[in-house]
PDB file of N, CA and C in Angstrom:
ATOM      1  N   MET A   1      -1.825  15.732  -2.637  1.00  0.00           N
ATOM      2  CA  MET A   1      -2.226  14.373  -2.818  1.00  0.00           C
ATOM      3  C   MET A   1      -2.771  13.723  -1.557  1.00  0.00           C
ATOM      4  N   ILE A   2      -2.144  14.106  -0.413  1.00  0.00           N
ATOM      5  CA  ILE A   2      -2.634  13.573   0.902  1.00  0.00           C
ATOM      6  C   ILE A   2      -4.019  13.974   1.188  1.00  0.00           C
ATOM      7  N   GLU A   3      -4.308  15.259   0.941  1.00  0.00           N
ATOM      8  CA  GLU A   3      -5.672  15.760   1.202  1.00  0.00           C
ATOM      9  C   GLU A   3      -6.745  14.998   0.370  1.00  0.00           C
ATOM     10  N   GLU A   4      -6.399  14.794  -0.915  1.00  0.00           N
ATOM     11  CA  GLU A   4      -7.324  14.052  -1.790  1.00  0.00           C
ATOM     12  C   GLU A   4      -7.541  12.626  -1.319  1.00  0.00           C
ATOM     13  N   ALA A   5      -6.440  12.013  -0.915  1.00  0.00           N
ATOM     14  CA  ALA A   5      -6.532  10.659  -0.374  1.00  0.00           C
ATOM     15  C   ALA A   5      -7.417  10.542   0.848  1.00  0.00           C
ATOM     16  N   ILE A   6      -7.288  11.532   1.741  1.00  0.00           N
ATOM     17  CA  ILE A   6      -8.077  11.531   2.964  1.00  0.00           C
ATOM     18  C   ILE A   6      -9.528  11.652   2.554  1.00  0.00           C
ATOM     19  N   GLU A   7      -9.854  12.553   1.612  1.00  0.00           N
ATOM     20  CA  GLU A   7     -11.247  12.679   1.134  1.00  0.00           C
ATOM     21  C   GLU A   7     -11.736  11.386   0.526  1.00  0.00           C
ATOM     22  N   LEU A   8     -10.893  10.674  -0.197  1.00  0.00           N
ATOM     23  CA  LEU A   8     -11.272   9.458  -0.860  1.00  0.00           C
ATOM     24  C   LEU A   8     -11.411   8.304   0.129  1.00  0.00           C
ATOM     25  N   LEU A   9     -10.458   8.114   1.001  1.00  0.00           N
ATOM     26  CA  LEU A   9     -10.420   6.911   1.931  1.00  0.00           C
ATOM     27  C   LEU A   9     -10.890   7.245   3.299  1.00  0.00           C
ATOM     28  N   GLY A  10     -10.806   8.420   3.790  1.00  0.00           N
ATOM     29  CA  GLY A  10     -11.080   8.697   5.170  1.00  0.00           C
ATOM     30  C   GLY A  10      -9.756   8.764   5.912  1.00  0.00           C
ATOM     31  N   ILE A  11      -9.667   9.644   6.859  1.00  0.00           N
ATOM     32  CA  ILE A  11      -8.444   9.955   7.577  1.00  0.00           C
ATOM     33  C   ILE A  11      -7.889   8.752   8.310  1.00  0.00           C
ATOM     34  N   GLU A  12      -8.684   7.757   8.688  1.00  0.00           N
ATOM     35  CA  GLU A  12      -8.207   6.583   9.416  1.00  0.00           C
ATOM     36  C   GLU A  12      -7.461   5.663   8.520  1.00  0.00           C
ATOM     37  N   LYS A  13      -7.591   5.803   7.183  1.00  0.00           N
ATOM     38  CA  LYS A  13      -6.875   4.916   6.237  1.00  0.00           C
ATOM     39  C   LYS A  13      -5.793   5.603   5.467  1.00  0.00           C
ATOM     40  N   VAL A  14      -5.369   6.760   5.956  1.00  0.00           N
ATOM     41  CA  VAL A  14      -4.239   7.492   5.368  1.00  0.00           C
ATOM     42  C   VAL A  14      -3.270   7.773   6.480  1.00  0.00           C
ATOM     43  N   LEU A  15      -2.063   7.147   6.428  1.00  0.00           N
ATOM     44  CA  LEU A  15      -1.100   7.284   7.540  1.00  0.00           C
ATOM     45  C   LEU A  15       0.001   8.162   7.027  1.00  0.00           C
ATOM     46  N   THR A  16       0.442   9.098   7.896  1.00  0.00           N
ATOM     47  CA  THR A  16       1.542   9.996   7.587  1.00  0.00           C
ATOM     48  C   THR A  16       2.377  10.161   8.847  1.00  0.00           C
ATOM     49  N   ASN A  17       3.562  10.826   8.692  1.00  0.00           N
ATOM     50  CA  ASN A  17       4.412  11.260   9.760  1.00  0.00           C
ATOM     51  C   ASN A  17       4.721  10.099  10.732  1.00  0.00           C
ATOM     52  N   GLY A  18       4.379  10.283  11.976  1.00  0.00           N
ATOM     53  CA  GLY A  18       4.739   9.310  13.046  1.00  0.00           C
ATOM     54  C   GLY A  18       4.051   7.938  12.849  1.00  0.00           C
ATOM     55  N   ASP A  19       2.917   7.937  12.137  1.00  0.00           N
ATOM     56  CA  ASP A  19       2.229   6.657  11.915  1.00  0.00           C
ATOM     57  C   ASP A  19       2.985   5.777  10.887  1.00  0.00           C
ATOM     58  N   LEU A  20       4.014   6.305  10.262  1.00  0.00           N
ATOM     59  CA  LEU A  20       4.755   5.571   9.293  1.00  0.00           C
ATOM     60  C   LEU A  20       5.843   4.651   9.903  1.00  0.00           C
ATOM     61  N   LEU A  21       6.161   4.896  11.185  1.00  0.00           N
ATOM     62  CA  LEU A  21       7.233   4.155  11.813  1.00  0.00           C
ATOM     63  C   LEU A  21       7.146   2.635  11.732  1.00  0.00           C
ATOM     64  N   PRO A  22       5.971   2.068  11.969  1.00  0.00           N
ATOM     65  CA  PRO A  22       5.869   0.569  11.828  1.00  0.00           C
ATOM     66  C   PRO A  22       6.133   0.056  10.403  1.00  0.00           C
ATOM     67  N   TYR A  23       5.991   0.917   9.424  1.00  0.00           N
ATOM     68  CA  TYR A  23       6.200   0.578   8.023  1.00  0.00           C
ATOM     69  C   TYR A  23       7.674   0.729   7.611  1.00  0.00           C
ATOM     70  N   GLN A  24       8.406   1.533   8.406  1.00  0.00           N
ATOM     71  CA  GLN A  24       9.825   1.780   8.101  1.00  0.00           C
ATOM     72  C   GLN A  24      10.798   0.862   8.822  1.00  0.00           C
ATOM     73  N   LYS A  25      10.282   0.052   9.822  1.00  0.00           N
ATOM     74  CA  LYS A  25      11.181  -0.877  10.494  1.00  0.00           C
ATOM     75  C   LYS A  25      11.614  -1.961   9.532  1.00  0.00           C
ATOM     76  N   ASN A  26      12.892  -2.283   9.652  1.00  0.00           N
ATOM     77  CA  ASN A  26      13.400  -3.403   8.771  1.00  0.00           C
ATOM     78  C   ASN A  26      14.742  -3.866   9.342  1.00  0.00           C
ATOM     79  N   LEU A  27      15.169  -4.987   8.863  1.00  0.00           N
ATOM     80  CA  LEU A  27      16.410  -5.598   9.337  1.00  0.00           C
ATOM     81  C   LEU A  27      17.512  -5.345   8.293  1.00  0.00           C
ATOM     82  N   THR A  28      17.257  -4.616   7.240  1.00  0.00           N
ATOM     83  CA  THR A  28      18.259  -4.496   6.178  1.00  0.00           C
ATOM     84  C   THR A  28      19.239  -3.360   6.433  1.00  0.00           C
ATOM     85  N   GLY A  29      18.887  -2.463   7.310  1.00  0.00           N
ATOM     86  CA  GLY A  29      19.727  -1.242   7.556  1.00  0.00           C
ATOM     87  C   GLY A  29      19.451  -0.121   6.583  1.00  0.00           C
ATOM     88  N   LEU A  30      18.532  -0.375   5.675  1.00  0.00           N
ATOM     89  CA  LEU A  30      18.173   0.682   4.691  1.00  0.00           C
ATOM     90  C   LEU A  30      17.111   1.580   5.271  1.00  0.00           C
ATOM     91  N   ASN A  31      17.090   2.759   4.823  1.00  0.00           N
ATOM     92  CA  ASN A  31      15.995   3.722   5.134  1.00  0.00           C
ATOM     93  C   ASN A  31      15.452   4.239   3.813  1.00  0.00           C
ATOM     94  N   ARG A  32      14.151   4.444   3.803  1.00  0.00           N
ATOM     95  CA  ARG A  32      13.507   4.988   2.659  1.00  0.00           C
ATOM     96  C   ARG A  32      12.508   6.081   3.102  1.00  0.00           C
ATOM     97  N   ASP A  33      12.443   7.099   2.251  1.00  0.00           N
ATOM     98  CA  ASP A  33      11.498   8.196   2.555  1.00  0.00           C
ATOM     99  C   ASP A  33      10.114   7.690   1.928  1.00  0.00           C
ATOM    100  N   ILE A  34       9.162   7.606   2.816  1.00  0.00           N
ATOM    101  CA  ILE A  34       7.845   7.143   2.456  1.00  0.00           C
ATOM    102  C   ILE A  34       6.936   8.401   2.618  1.00  0.00           C
ATOM    103  N   ILE A  35       6.182   8.732   1.603  1.00  0.00           N
ATOM    104  CA  ILE A  35       5.314   9.848   1.620  1.00  0.00           C
ATOM    105  C   ILE A  35       4.130   9.628   2.550  1.00  0.00           C
ATOM    106  N   ALA A  36       3.480   8.417   2.406  1.00  0.00           N
ATOM    107  CA  ALA A  36       2.304   8.060   3.171  1.00  0.00           C
ATOM    108  C   ALA A  36       2.041   6.627   3.009  1.00  0.00           C
ATOM    109  N   VAL A  37       1.068   6.077   3.787  1.00  0.00           N
ATOM    110  CA  VAL A  37       0.561   4.743   3.601  1.00  0.00           C
ATOM    111  C   VAL A  37      -0.945   4.864   3.384  1.00  0.00           C
ATOM    112  N   PHE A  38      -1.418   4.313   2.350  1.00  0.00           N
ATOM    113  CA  PHE A  38      -2.868   4.280   2.056  1.00  0.00           C
ATOM    114  C   PHE A  38      -3.347   2.870   2.320  1.00  0.00           C
ATOM    115  N   LYS A  39      -4.489   2.736   2.958  1.00  0.00           N
ATOM    116  CA  LYS A  39      -4.998   1.398   3.341  1.00  0.00           C
ATOM    117  C   LYS A  39      -6.382   1.211   2.809  1.00  0.00           C
ATOM    118  N   PRO A  40      -6.536   0.976   1.490  1.00  0.00           N
ATOM    119  CA  PRO A  40      -7.806   0.767   0.881  1.00  0.00           C
ATOM    120  C   PRO A  40      -8.422  -0.567   1.289  1.00  0.00           C
ATOM    121  N   ASP A  41      -9.766  -0.677   1.245  1.00  0.00           N
ATOM    122  CA  ASP A  41     -10.375  -1.888   1.577  1.00  0.00           C
ATOM    123  C   ASP A  41     -11.417  -2.376   0.513  1.00  0.00           C
ATOM    124  N   SER A  42     -11.221  -1.768  -0.673  1.00  0.00           N
ATOM    125  CA  SER A  42     -12.038  -2.256  -1.806  1.00  0.00           C
ATOM    126  C   SER A  42     -11.306  -2.050  -3.146  1.00  0.00           C
ATOM    127  N   VAL A  43     -11.701  -2.753  -4.144  1.00  0.00           N
ATOM    128  CA  VAL A  43     -11.103  -2.650  -5.444  1.00  0.00           C
ATOM    129  C   VAL A  43     -11.350  -1.210  -6.029  1.00  0.00           C
ATOM    130  N   GLU A  44     -12.555  -0.685  -5.776  1.00  0.00           N
ATOM    131  CA  GLU A  44     -12.920   0.616  -6.246  1.00  0.00           C
ATOM    132  C   GLU A  44     -11.966   1.703  -5.623  1.00  0.00           C
ATOM    133  N   GLU A  45     -11.649   1.586  -4.294  1.00  0.00           N
ATOM    134  CA  GLU A  45     -10.691   2.497  -3.664  1.00  0.00           C
ATOM    135  C   GLU A  45      -9.307   2.376  -4.312  1.00  0.00           C
ATOM    136  N   ILE A  46      -8.953   1.178  -4.636  1.00  0.00           N
ATOM    137  CA  ILE A  46      -7.637   0.969  -5.250  1.00  0.00           C
ATOM    138  C   ILE A  46      -7.563   1.673  -6.639  1.00  0.00           C
ATOM    139  N   ARG A  47      -8.625   1.517  -7.421  1.00  0.00           N
ATOM    140  CA  ARG A  47      -8.733   2.204  -8.727  1.00  0.00           C
ATOM    141  C   ARG A  47      -8.505   3.725  -8.570  1.00  0.00           C
ATOM    142  N   LYS A  48      -9.249   4.262  -7.610  1.00  0.00           N
ATOM    143  CA  LYS A  48      -9.144   5.693  -7.382  1.00  0.00           C
ATOM    144  C   LYS A  48      -7.777   6.170  -6.973  1.00  0.00           C
ATOM    145  N   ILE A  49      -7.181   5.366  -6.126  1.00  0.00           N
ATOM    146  CA  ILE A  49      -5.850   5.653  -5.615  1.00  0.00           C
ATOM    147  C   ILE A  49      -4.820   5.600  -6.835  1.00  0.00           C
ATOM    148  N   VAL A  50      -4.978   4.628  -7.677  1.00  0.00           N
ATOM    149  CA  VAL A  50      -4.087   4.482  -8.834  1.00  0.00           C
ATOM    150  C   VAL A  50      -4.247   5.759  -9.706  1.00  0.00           C
ATOM    151  N   LEU A  51      -5.420   6.187  -9.931  1.00  0.00           N
ATOM    152  CA  LEU A  51      -5.708   7.381 -10.739  1.00  0.00           C
ATOM    153  C   LEU A  51      -5.099   8.636 -10.051  1.00  0.00           C
ATOM    154  N   LEU A  52      -5.243   8.748  -8.757  1.00  0.00           N
ATOM    155  CA  LEU A  52      -4.679   9.879  -7.990  1.00  0.00           C
ATOM    156  C   LEU A  52      -3.142   9.864  -8.054  1.00  0.00           C
ATOM    157  N   ALA A  53      -2.527   8.695  -7.890  1.00  0.00           N
ATOM    158  CA  ALA A  53      -1.093   8.604  -7.959  1.00  0.00           C
ATOM    159  C   ALA A  53      -0.576   8.964  -9.372  1.00  0.00           C
ATOM    160  N   ASN A  54      -1.301   8.526 -10.391  1.00  0.00           N
ATOM    161  CA  ASN A  54      -0.961   8.920 -11.772  1.00  0.00           C
ATOM    162  C   ASN A  54      -1.059  10.380 -11.948  1.00  0.00           C
ATOM    163  N   GLN A  55      -2.067  11.010 -11.425  1.00  0.00           N
ATOM    164  CA  GLN A  55      -2.249  12.458 -11.560  1.00  0.00           C
ATOM    165  C   GLN A  55      -1.045  13.206 -10.896  1.00  0.00           C
ATOM    166  N   TYR A  56      -0.597  12.723  -9.803  1.00  0.00           N
ATOM    167  CA  TYR A  56       0.489  13.395  -9.075  1.00  0.00           C
ATOM    168  C   TYR A  56       1.848  12.790  -9.469  1.00  0.00           C
ATOM    169  N   LYS A  57       1.872  11.841 -10.387  1.00  0.00           N
ATOM    170  CA  LYS A  57       3.126  11.195 -10.803  1.00  0.00           C
ATOM    171  C   LYS A  57       3.911  10.651  -9.630  1.00  0.00           C
ATOM    172  N   THR A  58       3.146   9.921  -8.789  1.00  0.00           N
ATOM    173  CA  THR A  58       3.747   9.332  -7.522  1.00  0.00           C
ATOM    174  C   THR A  58       3.734   7.841  -7.663  1.00  0.00           C
ATOM    175  N   SER A  59       4.824   7.177  -7.258  1.00  0.00           N
ATOM    176  CA  SER A  59       4.970   5.777  -7.311  1.00  0.00           C
ATOM    177  C   SER A  59       4.166   5.140  -6.199  1.00  0.00           C
ATOM    178  N   LEU A  60       3.519   4.014  -6.420  1.00  0.00           N
ATOM    179  CA  LEU A  60       2.822   3.243  -5.448  1.00  0.00           C
ATOM    180  C   LEU A  60       3.639   1.987  -5.248  1.00  0.00           C
ATOM    181  N   TYR A  61       3.791   1.526  -3.953  1.00  0.00           N
ATOM    182  CA  TYR A  61       4.452   0.243  -3.682  1.00  0.00           C
ATOM    183  C   TYR A  61       3.533  -0.596  -2.874  1.00  0.00           C
ATOM    184  N   PRO A  62       2.909  -1.549  -3.536  1.00  0.00           N
ATOM    185  CA  PRO A  62       1.897  -2.431  -2.815  1.00  0.00           C
ATOM    186  C   PRO A  62       2.547  -3.407  -1.856  1.00  0.00           C
ATOM    187  N   ILE A  63       1.919  -3.561  -0.745  1.00  0.00           N
ATOM    188  CA  ILE A  63       2.339  -4.582   0.257  1.00  0.00           C
ATOM    189  C   ILE A  63       1.045  -5.263   0.737  1.00  0.00           C
ATOM    190  N   SER A  64       1.203  -6.439   1.243  1.00  0.00           N
ATOM    191  CA  SER A  64       0.093  -7.132   1.898  1.00  0.00           C
ATOM    192  C   SER A  64       0.492  -7.545   3.315  1.00  0.00           C
ATOM    193  N   THR A  65       1.255  -8.577   3.473  1.00  0.00           N
ATOM    194  CA  THR A  65       1.706  -8.978   4.807  1.00  0.00           C
ATOM    195  C   THR A  65       2.947  -8.282   5.225  1.00  0.00           C
ATOM    196  N   GLY A  66       3.587  -7.511   4.343  1.00  0.00           N
ATOM    197  CA  GLY A  66       4.754  -6.772   4.695  1.00  0.00           C
ATOM    198  C   GLY A  66       6.052  -7.553   4.646  1.00  0.00           C
ATOM    199  N   LYS A  67       6.078  -8.688   3.989  1.00  0.00           N
ATOM    200  CA  LYS A  67       7.261  -9.570   3.955  1.00  0.00           C
ATOM    201  C   LYS A  67       7.795  -9.607   2.517  1.00  0.00           C
ATOM    202  N   ASN A  68       7.764  -8.404   1.899  1.00  0.00           N
ATOM    203  CA  ASN A  68       8.166  -8.394   0.472  1.00  0.00           C
ATOM    204  C   ASN A  68       9.672  -8.720   0.307  1.00  0.00           C
ATOM    205  N   TRP A  69      10.512  -8.267   1.230  1.00  0.00           N
ATOM    206  CA  TRP A  69      11.935  -8.504   1.168  1.00  0.00           C
ATOM    207  C   TRP A  69      12.342  -9.660   2.043  1.00  0.00           C
ATOM    208  N   GLY A  70      11.405 -10.259   2.660  1.00  0.00           N
ATOM    209  CA  GLY A  70      11.706 -11.306   3.642  1.00  0.00           C
ATOM    210  C   GLY A  70      11.992 -10.638   5.014  1.00  0.00           C
ATOM    211  N   MET A  71      11.906 -11.344   6.029  1.00  0.00           N
ATOM    212  CA  MET A  71      12.200 -10.898   7.419  1.00  0.00           C
ATOM    213  C   MET A  71      11.349  -9.687   7.804  1.00  0.00           C
ATOM    214  N   GLY A  72      10.192  -9.451   7.190  1.00  0.00           N
ATOM    215  CA  GLY A  72       9.233  -8.483   7.673  1.00  0.00           C
ATOM    216  C   GLY A  72       9.361  -7.112   7.084  1.00  0.00           C
ATOM    217  N   SER A  73      10.245  -6.868   6.111  1.00  0.00           N
ATOM    218  CA  SER A  73      10.384  -5.530   5.578  1.00  0.00           C
ATOM    219  C   SER A  73       9.152  -5.069   4.760  1.00  0.00           C
ATOM    220  N   LYS A  74       8.772  -3.816   4.931  1.00  0.00           N
ATOM    221  CA  LYS A  74       7.750  -3.246   4.142  1.00  0.00           C
ATOM    222  C   LYS A  74       8.250  -2.111   3.284  1.00  0.00           C
ATOM    223  N   LEU A  75       9.560  -1.957   3.215  1.00  0.00           N
ATOM    224  CA  LEU A  75      10.215  -0.807   2.547  1.00  0.00           C
ATOM    225  C   LEU A  75      10.034  -0.933   1.026  1.00  0.00           C
ATOM    226  N   PRO A  76       9.752   0.199   0.381  1.00  0.00           N
ATOM    227  CA  PRO A  76       9.714   0.234  -1.073  1.00  0.00           C
ATOM    228  C   PRO A  76      11.146   0.165  -1.568  1.00  0.00           C
ATOM    229  N   VAL A  77      11.364  -0.082  -2.850  1.00  0.00           N
ATOM    230  CA  VAL A  77      12.660  -0.230  -3.428  1.00  0.00           C
ATOM    231  C   VAL A  77      13.286   1.182  -3.842  1.00  0.00           C
ATOM    232  N   GLN A  78      12.459   2.192  -3.716  1.00  0.00           N
ATOM    233  CA  GLN A  78      12.922   3.544  -3.989  1.00  0.00           C
ATOM    234  C   GLN A  78      12.309   4.545  -3.010  1.00  0.00           C
ATOM    235  N   ASN A  79      12.873   5.691  -2.917  1.00  0.00           N
ATOM    236  CA  ASN A  79      12.366   6.777  -2.071  1.00  0.00           C
ATOM    237  C   ASN A  79      11.116   7.431  -2.652  1.00  0.00           C
ATOM    238  N   ASN A  80      10.429   8.143  -1.783  1.00  0.00           N
ATOM    239  CA  ASN A  80       9.285   9.006  -2.190  1.00  0.00           C
ATOM    240  C   ASN A  80       8.148   8.281  -2.849  1.00  0.00           C
ATOM    241  N   CYS A  81       7.821   7.089  -2.216  1.00  0.00           N
ATOM    242  CA  CYS A  81       6.658   6.284  -2.682  1.00  0.00           C
ATOM    243  C   CYS A  81       5.569   6.426  -1.689  1.00  0.00           C
ATOM    244  N   VAL A  82       4.360   6.034  -2.112  1.00  0.00           N
ATOM    245  CA  VAL A  82       3.261   5.819  -1.180  1.00  0.00           C
ATOM    246  C   VAL A  82       3.098   4.322  -1.121  1.00  0.00           C
ATOM    247  N   LEU A  83       3.121   3.815   0.111  1.00  0.00           N
ATOM    248  CA  LEU A  83       2.811   2.407   0.314  1.00  0.00           C
ATOM    249  C   LEU A  83       1.334   2.133   0.202  1.00  0.00           C
ATOM    250  N   LEU A  84       1.032   1.133  -0.482  1.00  0.00           N
ATOM    251  CA  LEU A  84      -0.401   0.763  -0.664  1.00  0.00           C
ATOM    252  C   LEU A  84      -0.591  -0.525   0.108  1.00  0.00           C
ATOM    253  N   ASP A  85      -1.095  -0.416   1.321  1.00  0.00           N
ATOM    254  CA  ASP A  85      -1.268  -1.559   2.267  1.00  0.00           C
ATOM    255  C   ASP A  85      -2.524  -2.294   1.890  1.00  0.00           C
ATOM    256  N   LEU A  86      -2.392  -3.436   1.246  1.00  0.00           N
ATOM    257  CA  LEU A  86      -3.530  -4.260   0.787  1.00  0.00           C
ATOM    258  C   LEU A  86      -3.999  -5.258   1.789  1.00  0.00           C
ATOM    259  N   GLY A  87      -3.479  -5.144   3.010  1.00  0.00           N
ATOM    260  CA  GLY A  87      -3.810  -6.138   4.087  1.00  0.00           C
ATOM    261  C   GLY A  87      -5.283  -6.305   4.415  1.00  0.00           C
ATOM    262  N   SER A  88      -6.057  -5.240   4.176  1.00  0.00           N
ATOM    263  CA  SER A  88      -7.587  -5.339   4.394  1.00  0.00           C
ATOM    264  C   SER A  88      -8.308  -6.135   3.366  1.00  0.00           C
ATOM    265  N   LEU A  89      -7.645  -6.373   2.231  1.00  0.00           N
ATOM    266  CA  LEU A  89      -8.259  -7.155   1.156  1.00  0.00           C
ATOM    267  C   LEU A  89      -7.925  -8.648   1.418  1.00  0.00           C
ATOM    268  N   ASN A  90      -8.675  -9.232   2.332  1.00  0.00           N
ATOM    269  CA  ASN A  90      -8.313 -10.642   2.693  1.00  0.00           C
ATOM    270  C   ASN A  90      -9.460 -11.615   2.430  1.00  0.00           C
ATOM    271  N   LYS A  91     -10.342 -11.262   1.517  1.00  0.00           N
ATOM    272  CA  LYS A  91     -11.413 -12.128   1.136  1.00  0.00           C
ATOM    273  C   LYS A  91     -11.157 -12.788  -0.171  1.00  0.00           C
ATOM    274  N   ILE A  92     -11.350 -14.074  -0.269  1.00  0.00           N
ATOM    275  CA  ILE A  92     -11.197 -14.802  -1.507  1.00  0.00           C
ATOM    276  C   ILE A  92     -12.553 -14.688  -2.297  1.00  0.00           C
ATOM    277  N   CYS A  93     -12.449 -14.005  -3.446  1.00  0.00           N
ATOM    278  CA  CYS A  93     -13.649 -13.765  -4.230  1.00  0.00           C
ATOM    279  C   CYS A  93     -13.958 -14.953  -5.191  1.00  0.00           C
ATOM    280  N   SER A  94     -12.989 -15.500  -5.785  1.00  0.00           N
ATOM    281  CA  SER A  94     -13.133 -16.614  -6.691  1.00  0.00           C
ATOM    282  C   SER A  94     -11.829 -17.388  -6.854  1.00  0.00           C
ATOM    283  N   VAL A  95     -11.956 -18.592  -7.290  1.00  0.00           N
ATOM    284  CA  VAL A  95     -10.820 -19.514  -7.505  1.00  0.00           C
ATOM    285  C   VAL A  95     -11.074 -20.242  -8.798  1.00  0.00           C
ATOM    286  N   ASP A  96     -10.089 -20.169  -9.719  1.00  0.00           N
ATOM    287  CA  ASP A  96     -10.193 -20.932 -10.973  1.00  0.00           C
ATOM    288  C   ASP A  96      -9.075 -21.991 -10.950  1.00  0.00           C
ATOM    289  N   ILE A  97      -9.449 -23.178 -10.603  1.00  0.00           N
ATOM    290  CA  ILE A  97      -8.494 -24.283 -10.393  1.00  0.00           C
ATOM    291  C   ILE A  97      -7.841 -24.636 -11.722  1.00  0.00           C
ATOM    292  N   LYS A  98      -8.594 -24.551 -12.798  1.00  0.00           N
ATOM    293  CA  LYS A  98      -8.094 -24.887 -14.139  1.00  0.00           C
ATOM    294  C   LYS A  98      -6.891 -23.923 -14.479  1.00  0.00           C
ATOM    295  N   LEU A  99      -7.129 -22.678 -14.268  1.00  0.00           N
ATOM    296  CA  LEU A  99      -6.055 -21.689 -14.632  1.00  0.00           C
ATOM    297  C   LEU A  99      -5.076 -21.426 -13.438  1.00  0.00           C
ATOM    298  N   GLY A 100      -5.402 -21.900 -12.275  1.00  0.00           N
ATOM    299  CA  GLY A 100      -4.562 -21.687 -11.145  1.00  0.00           C
ATOM    300  C   GLY A 100      -4.475 -20.276 -10.662  1.00  0.00           C
ATOM    301  N   VAL A 101      -5.691 -19.607 -10.671  1.00  0.00           N
ATOM    302  CA  VAL A 101      -5.843 -18.159 -10.325  1.00  0.00           C
ATOM    303  C   VAL A 101      -6.820 -18.038  -9.210  1.00  0.00           C
ATOM    304  N   ALA A 102      -6.486 -17.225  -8.275  1.00  0.00           N
ATOM    305  CA  ALA A 102      -7.386 -16.845  -7.182  1.00  0.00           C
ATOM    306  C   ALA A 102      -7.554 -15.300  -7.167  1.00  0.00           C
ATOM    307  N   VAL A 103      -8.764 -14.797  -7.085  1.00  0.00           N
ATOM    308  CA  VAL A 103      -8.997 -13.390  -6.976  1.00  0.00           C
ATOM    309  C   VAL A 103      -9.313 -13.105  -5.543  1.00  0.00           C
ATOM    310  N   ILE A 104      -8.484 -12.202  -4.992  1.00  0.00           N
ATOM    311  CA  ILE A 104      -8.607 -11.941  -3.511  1.00  0.00           C
ATOM    312  C   ILE A 104      -9.020 -10.498  -3.401  1.00  0.00           C
TER     313      ILE A 104
END
């Protein structure tokens, strides 16, 4: 799966091994096994990652600012996940005030 993700995203947007340490830091005392971190920067890349994860039956855990549990944790709720770092998707595409929806 990692090799396919590198082909899809480029090696600079697929983090493994020692590059995972900033994503594993937390204040909860918990540790989780993270397979990799994928850092897509387009909706199309996300679609392809979801298909890839489905093919390999691998759970994805999306994060953006990394404060999912509060206090800065980026840890998934289970082991053996791929973190999907959506931090690069920071552009507001549209806002529907009537429905209260923003597409980012």
